[in-house]
Amino acid sequence: MTAPRSIRVAQQVKRELSEMMRRDLKDERIAGIVSITDVELSGDCRYARVFISVYGDETAQKGTIDALVEQTGYIRGEIGRRLGLRFAPEMTFRLDNSLERGAKVSELIARISRGEIE
């Protein structure tokens, strides 16, 4: 079971990281529609897996993840400072394709309902 503190901190990390991506991270590789879908934090709040959804082609997805990985030190320091944490969590970024898969399924359903696909 995940501790209530780690759940709360994970939500705060997600919110702050979203804000940082919108305002602070100036990297041309972070392009398109980028969304943080989930943050999994270890019970001691030392390790975080951040799941990122990038709506775009494979190049945009890889570029966004690469940019975040390169800026992990800055991101980690800012998260620790903004949340007042003694130890900022070590972060790993993972690509999450669930939103893109959902859009494709919705499009297929729409095409079937219009009679384009039998």
N, C-alpha and C. Protein backbone atom coordinates (compact mmCIF):
# COMPACT_ATOMS: atom_id res chain seq x y z
N MET A 1 0.84 -1.19 0.00
CA MET A 1 0.00 0.00 0.00
C MET A 1 0.88 1.24 0.00
N THR A 2 0.50 2.23 -0.76
CA THR A 2 1.26 3.46 -0.85
C THR A 2 0.88 4.37 0.31
N ALA A 3 1.89 4.97 0.90
CA ALA A 3 1.66 5.86 2.04
C ALA A 3 0.94 7.12 1.60
N PRO A 4 0.06 7.66 2.45
CA PRO A 4 -0.66 8.89 2.10
C PRO A 4 0.28 10.06 1.77
N ARG A 5 1.41 10.15 2.45
CA ARG A 5 2.35 11.23 2.17
C ARG A 5 2.90 11.12 0.75
N SER A 6 3.26 9.90 0.34
CA SER A 6 3.82 9.75 -1.00
C SER A 6 2.78 10.04 -2.08
N ILE A 7 1.52 9.75 -1.81
CA ILE A 7 0.45 10.08 -2.76
C ILE A 7 0.33 11.59 -2.88
N ARG A 8 0.33 12.27 -1.75
CA ARG A 8 0.22 13.73 -1.74
C ARG A 8 1.42 14.38 -2.43
N VAL A 9 2.61 13.90 -2.14
CA VAL A 9 3.82 14.46 -2.76
C VAL A 9 3.82 14.17 -4.26
N ALA A 10 3.37 12.99 -4.68
CA ALA A 10 3.30 12.65 -6.10
C ALA A 10 2.37 13.62 -6.84
N GLN A 11 1.23 13.95 -6.23
CA GLN A 11 0.31 14.91 -6.84
C GLN A 11 0.95 16.29 -6.94
N GLN A 12 1.69 16.68 -5.91
CA GLN A 12 2.36 17.98 -5.93
C GLN A 12 3.46 18.00 -6.99
N VAL A 13 4.21 16.91 -7.11
CA VAL A 13 5.26 16.82 -8.12
C VAL A 13 4.63 16.95 -9.51
N LYS A 14 3.54 16.27 -9.73
CA LYS A 14 2.85 16.32 -11.03
C LYS A 14 2.42 17.76 -11.34
N ARG A 15 1.83 18.43 -10.38
CA ARG A 15 1.36 19.80 -10.58
C ARG A 15 2.53 20.75 -10.84
N GLU A 16 3.58 20.67 -10.04
CA GLU A 16 4.73 21.57 -10.19
C GLU A 16 5.49 21.30 -11.49
N LEU A 17 5.64 20.03 -11.84
CA LEU A 17 6.34 19.69 -13.08
C LEU A 17 5.56 20.18 -14.30
N SER A 18 4.24 20.07 -14.24
CA SER A 18 3.41 20.60 -15.33
C SER A 18 3.62 22.10 -15.46
N GLU A 19 3.64 22.79 -14.35
CA GLU A 19 3.86 24.24 -14.36
C GLU A 19 5.25 24.58 -14.89
N MET A 20 6.25 23.82 -14.50
CA MET A 20 7.61 24.05 -14.98
C MET A 20 7.70 23.84 -16.48
N MET A 21 7.05 22.81 -16.99
CA MET A 21 7.10 22.54 -18.42
C MET A 21 6.42 23.66 -19.20
N ARG A 22 5.40 24.22 -18.62
CA ARG A 22 4.66 25.28 -19.29
C ARG A 22 5.42 26.61 -19.27
N ARG A 23 6.11 26.91 -18.18
CA ARG A 23 6.72 28.23 -18.01
C ARG A 23 8.24 28.26 -18.05
N ASP A 24 8.89 27.31 -17.40
CA ASP A 24 10.32 27.42 -17.12
C ASP A 24 11.23 26.68 -18.08
N LEU A 25 10.81 25.54 -18.57
CA LEU A 25 11.69 24.73 -19.41
C LEU A 25 11.63 25.23 -20.85
N LYS A 26 12.65 25.94 -21.25
CA LYS A 26 12.71 26.50 -22.59
C LYS A 26 13.60 25.62 -23.46
N ASP A 27 13.01 24.61 -24.06
CA ASP A 27 13.73 23.70 -24.93
C ASP A 27 12.85 23.42 -26.13
N GLU A 28 13.37 23.68 -27.32
CA GLU A 28 12.57 23.51 -28.53
C GLU A 28 12.16 22.06 -28.76
N ARG A 29 12.82 21.11 -28.11
CA ARG A 29 12.45 19.70 -28.28
C ARG A 29 11.17 19.35 -27.54
N ILE A 30 10.81 20.16 -26.54
CA ILE A 30 9.55 19.95 -25.83
C ILE A 30 8.48 20.64 -26.66
N ALA A 31 7.88 19.86 -27.56
CA ALA A 31 6.97 20.43 -28.54
C ALA A 31 5.67 19.64 -28.57
N GLY A 32 4.66 20.23 -29.16
CA GLY A 32 3.38 19.56 -29.27
C GLY A 32 2.63 19.60 -27.95
N ILE A 33 1.68 18.72 -27.85
CA ILE A 33 0.88 18.64 -26.64
C ILE A 33 1.56 17.64 -25.71
N VAL A 34 2.07 18.15 -24.60
CA VAL A 34 2.78 17.33 -23.63
C VAL A 34 1.97 17.31 -22.34
N SER A 35 1.75 16.12 -21.82
CA SER A 35 0.96 15.98 -20.61
C SER A 35 1.65 14.99 -19.66
N ILE A 36 1.61 15.30 -18.39
CA ILE A 36 2.10 14.36 -17.38
C ILE A 36 0.90 13.53 -16.96
N THR A 37 0.93 12.25 -17.30
CA THR A 37 -0.21 11.40 -17.03
C THR A 37 -0.18 10.80 -15.63
N ASP A 38 1.01 10.59 -15.08
CA ASP A 38 1.09 9.99 -13.75
C ASP A 38 2.47 10.19 -13.16
N VAL A 39 2.54 10.21 -11.85
CA VAL A 39 3.80 10.21 -11.12
C VAL A 39 3.70 9.11 -10.08
N GLU A 40 4.60 8.14 -10.16
CA GLU A 40 4.66 7.08 -9.15
C GLU A 40 5.84 7.36 -8.25
N LEU A 41 5.58 7.51 -6.98
CA LEU A 41 6.61 7.85 -6.01
C LEU A 41 6.82 6.68 -5.06
N SER A 42 8.07 6.40 -4.73
CA SER A 42 8.34 5.32 -3.77
C SER A 42 7.82 5.76 -2.40
N GLY A 43 7.65 4.81 -1.52
CA GLY A 43 7.11 5.08 -0.20
C GLY A 43 7.91 6.09 0.59
N ASP A 44 9.24 6.11 0.39
CA ASP A 44 10.08 7.06 1.11
C ASP A 44 10.28 8.37 0.33
N CYS A 45 9.60 8.51 -0.80
CA CYS A 45 9.63 9.72 -1.63
C CYS A 45 11.02 10.01 -2.19
N ARG A 46 11.85 9.00 -2.34
CA ARG A 46 13.20 9.20 -2.88
C ARG A 46 13.28 8.98 -4.38
N TYR A 47 12.35 8.21 -4.94
CA TYR A 47 12.39 7.87 -6.36
C TYR A 47 11.03 8.14 -6.99
N ALA A 48 11.06 8.75 -8.16
CA ALA A 48 9.82 9.06 -8.86
C ALA A 48 9.92 8.59 -10.31
N ARG A 49 8.87 7.94 -10.77
CA ARG A 49 8.72 7.62 -12.19
C ARG A 49 7.65 8.55 -12.72
N VAL A 50 8.05 9.35 -13.71
CA VAL A 50 7.13 10.33 -14.27
C VAL A 50 6.73 9.85 -15.66
N PHE A 51 5.43 9.68 -15.87
CA PHE A 51 4.91 9.21 -17.14
C PHE A 51 4.43 10.40 -17.96
N ILE A 52 5.01 10.53 -19.15
CA ILE A 52 4.77 11.67 -20.02
C ILE A 52 4.07 11.20 -21.28
N SER A 53 3.01 11.91 -21.66
CA SER A 53 2.33 11.64 -22.92
C SER A 53 2.62 12.81 -23.86
N VAL A 54 3.11 12.48 -25.04
CA VAL A 54 3.42 13.49 -26.05
C VAL A 54 2.59 13.18 -27.27
N TYR A 55 1.69 14.08 -27.61
CA TYR A 55 0.87 13.87 -28.80
C TYR A 55 1.64 14.40 -29.99
N GLY A 56 2.13 13.50 -30.79
CA GLY A 56 2.93 13.86 -31.95
C GLY A 56 3.62 12.64 -32.49
N ASP A 57 4.51 12.86 -33.44
CA ASP A 57 5.22 11.74 -34.03
C ASP A 57 6.33 11.24 -33.10
N GLU A 58 6.97 10.17 -33.53
CA GLU A 58 8.00 9.52 -32.71
C GLU A 58 9.18 10.47 -32.42
N THR A 59 9.50 11.33 -33.39
CA THR A 59 10.59 12.28 -33.20
C THR A 59 10.28 13.26 -32.09
N ALA A 60 9.04 13.77 -32.06
CA ALA A 60 8.62 14.70 -31.01
C ALA A 60 8.63 14.01 -29.65
N GLN A 61 8.18 12.76 -29.61
CA GLN A 61 8.16 12.02 -28.35
C GLN A 61 9.56 11.81 -27.82
N LYS A 62 10.46 11.34 -28.68
CA LYS A 62 11.84 11.09 -28.27
C LYS A 62 12.53 12.39 -27.86
N GLY A 63 12.30 13.46 -28.63
CA GLY A 63 12.91 14.75 -28.31
C GLY A 63 12.47 15.28 -26.95
N THR A 64 11.19 15.14 -26.65
CA THR A 64 10.66 15.60 -25.36
C THR A 64 11.28 14.83 -24.21
N ILE A 65 11.32 13.51 -24.33
CA ILE A 65 11.91 12.68 -23.26
C ILE A 65 13.40 13.01 -23.12
N ASP A 66 14.12 13.14 -24.22
CA ASP A 66 15.55 13.48 -24.16
C ASP A 66 15.77 14.82 -23.48
N ALA A 67 14.94 15.81 -23.80
CA ALA A 67 15.07 17.14 -23.18
C ALA A 67 14.84 17.06 -21.68
N LEU A 68 13.84 16.31 -21.26
CA LEU A 68 13.56 16.17 -19.83
C LEU A 68 14.68 15.43 -19.11
N VAL A 69 15.21 14.39 -19.75
CA VAL A 69 16.32 13.65 -19.14
C VAL A 69 17.53 14.56 -18.96
N GLU A 70 17.83 15.37 -19.98
CA GLU A 70 18.97 16.29 -19.87
C GLU A 70 18.79 17.31 -18.77
N GLN A 71 17.56 17.71 -18.50
CA GLN A 71 17.30 18.74 -17.50
C GLN A 71 16.86 18.16 -16.15
N THR A 72 17.08 16.88 -15.96
CA THR A 72 16.64 16.22 -14.73
C THR A 72 17.22 16.88 -13.48
N GLY A 73 18.49 17.26 -13.51
CA GLY A 73 19.10 17.90 -12.34
C GLY A 73 18.41 19.19 -11.97
N TYR A 74 18.15 20.03 -12.97
CA TYR A 74 17.45 21.29 -12.73
C TYR A 74 16.04 21.03 -12.21
N ILE A 75 15.34 20.10 -12.87
CA ILE A 75 13.96 19.78 -12.48
C ILE A 75 13.92 19.27 -11.05
N ARG A 76 14.82 18.38 -10.74
CA ARG A 76 14.87 17.80 -9.40
C ARG A 76 15.12 18.88 -8.35
N GLY A 77 16.07 19.77 -8.61
CA GLY A 77 16.36 20.85 -7.67
C GLY A 77 15.17 21.77 -7.48
N GLU A 78 14.51 22.11 -8.58
CA GLU A 78 13.34 23.00 -8.49
C GLU A 78 12.19 22.33 -7.75
N ILE A 79 11.95 21.07 -8.01
CA ILE A 79 10.88 20.35 -7.31
C ILE A 79 11.16 20.33 -5.81
N GLY A 80 12.40 20.02 -5.43
CA GLY A 80 12.76 20.01 -4.02
C GLY A 80 12.57 21.37 -3.37
N ARG A 81 12.97 22.42 -4.07
CA ARG A 81 12.85 23.77 -3.53
C ARG A 81 11.38 24.19 -3.42
N ARG A 82 10.63 23.96 -4.50
CA ARG A 82 9.23 24.39 -4.52
C ARG A 82 8.35 23.66 -3.51
N LEU A 83 8.66 22.38 -3.28
CA LEU A 83 7.84 21.59 -2.36
C LEU A 83 8.42 21.57 -0.95
N GLY A 84 9.59 22.15 -0.76
CA GLY A 84 10.20 22.17 0.56
C GLY A 84 10.62 20.80 1.04
N LEU A 85 11.11 19.97 0.13
CA LEU A 85 11.51 18.62 0.50
C LEU A 85 12.97 18.58 0.92
N ARG A 86 13.27 17.80 1.93
CA ARG A 86 14.66 17.63 2.34
C ARG A 86 15.46 16.92 1.25
N PHE A 87 14.86 15.89 0.68
CA PHE A 87 15.48 15.14 -0.41
C PHE A 87 14.54 15.16 -1.61
N ALA A 88 14.98 15.76 -2.68
CA ALA A 88 14.18 15.75 -3.91
C ALA A 88 14.28 14.35 -4.52
N PRO A 89 13.17 13.83 -5.02
CA PRO A 89 13.20 12.46 -5.58
C PRO A 89 14.04 12.38 -6.85
N GLU A 90 14.74 11.26 -6.99
CA GLU A 90 15.43 10.97 -8.25
C GLU A 90 14.35 10.62 -9.26
N MET A 91 14.42 11.24 -10.43
CA MET A 91 13.34 11.09 -11.40
C MET A 91 13.78 10.33 -12.64
N THR A 92 12.89 9.47 -13.09
CA THR A 92 13.04 8.84 -14.40
C THR A 92 11.79 9.18 -15.19
N PHE A 93 11.97 9.44 -16.47
CA PHE A 93 10.86 9.83 -17.33
C PHE A 93 10.55 8.68 -18.28
N ARG A 94 9.27 8.34 -18.38
CA ARG A 94 8.81 7.26 -19.25
C ARG A 94 7.74 7.80 -20.19
N LEU A 95 7.77 7.31 -21.40
CA LEU A 95 6.77 7.70 -22.38
C LEU A 95 5.50 6.91 -22.13
N ASP A 96 4.37 7.59 -22.10
CA ASP A 96 3.07 6.96 -21.90
C ASP A 96 2.23 7.22 -23.15
N ASN A 97 1.90 6.18 -23.88
CA ASN A 97 1.15 6.31 -25.13
C ASN A 97 -0.35 6.09 -24.95
N SER A 98 -0.84 6.07 -23.72
CA SER A 98 -2.24 5.74 -23.49
C SER A 98 -3.19 6.77 -24.10
N LEU A 99 -2.85 8.06 -24.05
CA LEU A 99 -3.73 9.08 -24.62
C LEU A 99 -3.79 8.94 -26.14
N GLU A 100 -2.65 8.66 -26.76
CA GLU A 100 -2.62 8.49 -28.20
C GLU A 100 -3.40 7.25 -28.62
N ARG A 101 -3.24 6.16 -27.87
CA ARG A 101 -4.01 4.94 -28.17
C ARG A 101 -5.50 5.21 -28.02
N GLY A 102 -5.88 5.96 -27.00
CA GLY A 102 -7.29 6.30 -26.78
C GLY A 102 -7.85 7.11 -27.94
N ALA A 103 -7.06 8.05 -28.46
CA ALA A 103 -7.51 8.87 -29.60
C ALA A 103 -7.71 7.99 -30.83
N LYS A 104 -6.82 7.03 -31.04
CA LYS A 104 -6.96 6.13 -32.19
C LYS A 104 -8.21 5.26 -32.06
N VAL A 105 -8.47 4.76 -30.87
CA VAL A 105 -9.67 3.94 -30.65
C VAL A 105 -10.92 4.77 -30.87
N SER A 106 -10.93 6.01 -30.37
CA SER A 106 -12.08 6.89 -30.57
C SER A 106 -12.32 7.16 -32.05
N GLU A 107 -11.24 7.37 -32.79
CA GLU A 107 -11.37 7.61 -34.24
C GLU A 107 -11.92 6.37 -34.94
N LEU A 108 -11.46 5.19 -34.56
CA LEU A 108 -11.99 3.96 -35.16
C LEU A 108 -13.48 3.79 -34.87
N ILE A 109 -13.87 4.08 -33.65
CA ILE A 109 -15.29 3.96 -33.27
C ILE A 109 -16.12 4.95 -34.09
N ALA A 110 -15.60 6.17 -34.25
CA ALA A 110 -16.33 7.18 -35.04
C ALA A 110 -16.45 6.74 -36.49
N ARG A 111 -15.39 6.18 -37.04
CA ARG A 111 -15.44 5.71 -38.44
C ARG A 111 -16.42 4.56 -38.61
N ILE A 112 -16.47 3.67 -37.64
CA ILE A 112 -17.43 2.55 -37.69
C ILE A 112 -18.85 3.08 -37.62
N SER A 113 -19.10 4.04 -36.73
CA SER A 113 -20.46 4.56 -36.59
C SER A 113 -20.90 5.33 -37.84
N ARG A 114 -19.96 5.91 -38.58
CA ARG A 114 -20.29 6.61 -39.83
C ARG A 114 -20.42 5.63 -41.00
N GLY A 115 -20.09 4.38 -40.78
CA GLY A 115 -20.21 3.37 -41.83
C GLY A 115 -19.01 3.30 -42.75
N GLU A 116 -17.90 3.92 -42.38
CA GLU A 116 -16.69 3.88 -43.21
C GLU A 116 -15.98 2.54 -43.11
N ILE A 117 -16.15 1.87 -42.00
CA ILE A 117 -15.53 0.57 -41.76
C ILE A 117 -16.63 -0.42 -41.41
N GLU A 118 -16.53 -1.60 -42.00
CA GLU A 118 -17.54 -2.63 -41.70
C GLU A 118 -17.00 -3.63 -40.73
